[in-house]
Amino acid sequence: MKYQRIRDLREDNELTQTEVAKMLGMSQTGYSKYETGENDIPTAILIKLARFYHTSIDYLLGETDNRERYK
């Protein structure tokens, strides 16, 4: 599974892979493997990304097209 939405959100926010990886406390290489789908994204990382981008995990995973976070 390719995680296109995390790449799109990163680019929409004009961030580099290195900047997002630093926020997550990991290497750029490790993060890039999430964007390409080479590695599945662990739940803890999904939670951090959803909070960082103010969206839902369902949106990140492509389960909904609604970017808004559930309240």
Protein backbone atom coordinates (compact mmCIF):
# COMPACT_ATOMS: atom_id res chain seq x y z
CA MET A 1 0.00 0.00 0.00
CA LYS A 2 1.37 3.38 -0.97
CA TYR A 3 0.61 6.18 1.45
CA GLN A 4 0.04 8.96 -1.09
CA ARG A 5 -1.86 11.12 1.35
CA ILE A 6 1.04 11.58 3.76
CA ARG A 7 3.16 12.71 0.82
CA ASP A 8 0.43 15.07 -0.40
CA LEU A 9 -0.03 16.56 3.08
CA ARG A 10 3.72 17.01 3.48
CA GLU A 11 4.00 18.74 0.12
CA ASP A 12 0.88 20.87 0.74
CA ASN A 13 2.60 22.12 3.90
CA GLU A 14 5.86 22.72 2.00
CA LEU A 15 7.81 20.35 4.22
CA THR A 16 10.67 18.06 3.32
CA GLN A 17 10.85 14.40 4.26
CA THR A 18 13.72 15.34 6.56
CA GLU A 19 11.58 17.89 8.44
CA VAL A 20 8.73 15.43 8.97
CA ALA A 21 11.14 12.66 9.94
CA LYS A 22 12.73 14.95 12.54
CA MET A 23 9.31 15.73 14.03
CA LEU A 24 8.67 11.97 14.24
CA GLY A 25 12.11 11.30 15.74
CA MET A 26 13.31 9.09 12.91
CA SER A 27 15.56 9.13 9.86
CA GLN A 28 14.56 10.58 6.50
CA THR A 29 15.17 7.18 4.92
CA GLY A 30 12.82 5.47 7.37
CA TYR A 31 10.14 8.06 6.75
CA SER A 32 10.49 7.84 2.96
CA LYS A 33 9.72 4.11 3.16
CA TYR A 34 6.31 5.01 4.61
CA GLU A 35 5.51 7.34 1.71
CA THR A 36 6.47 4.73 -0.88
CA GLY A 37 4.70 1.93 0.95
CA GLU A 38 7.89 -0.08 1.38
CA ASN A 39 7.13 -0.17 5.12
CA ASP A 40 3.73 -0.09 6.81
CA ILE A 41 3.19 2.84 9.15
CA PRO A 42 3.02 1.83 12.83
CA THR A 43 -0.04 2.99 14.76
CA ALA A 44 1.97 5.36 16.95
CA ILE A 45 3.35 7.12 13.86
CA LEU A 46 -0.12 7.34 12.29
CA ILE A 47 -1.39 9.03 15.44
CA LYS A 48 1.48 11.55 15.40
CA LEU A 49 0.93 12.32 11.70
CA ALA A 50 -2.82 12.75 12.14
CA ARG A 51 -2.27 15.15 15.04
CA PHE A 52 0.48 17.01 13.20
CA TYR A 53 -1.66 17.54 10.09
CA HIS A 54 -4.91 18.03 12.07
CA THR A 55 -6.67 15.21 10.26
CA SER A 56 -7.94 11.71 10.97
CA ILE A 57 -6.16 8.41 10.66
CA ASP A 58 -9.00 7.30 8.37
CA TYR A 59 -8.09 10.12 6.00
CA LEU A 60 -4.40 9.19 6.07
CA LEU A 61 -5.29 5.58 5.22
CA GLY A 62 -7.68 6.53 2.43
CA GLU A 63 -10.79 5.27 4.23
CA THR A 64 -12.48 8.67 3.89
CA ASP A 65 -12.06 11.77 1.76
CA ASN A 66 -13.03 14.00 4.69
CA ARG A 67 -9.85 15.70 5.94
CA GLU A 68 -11.51 16.93 9.13
CA ARG A 69 -10.64 15.30 12.38
CA TYR A 70 -13.42 13.61 14.34
CA LYS A 71 -14.51 15.49 17.43
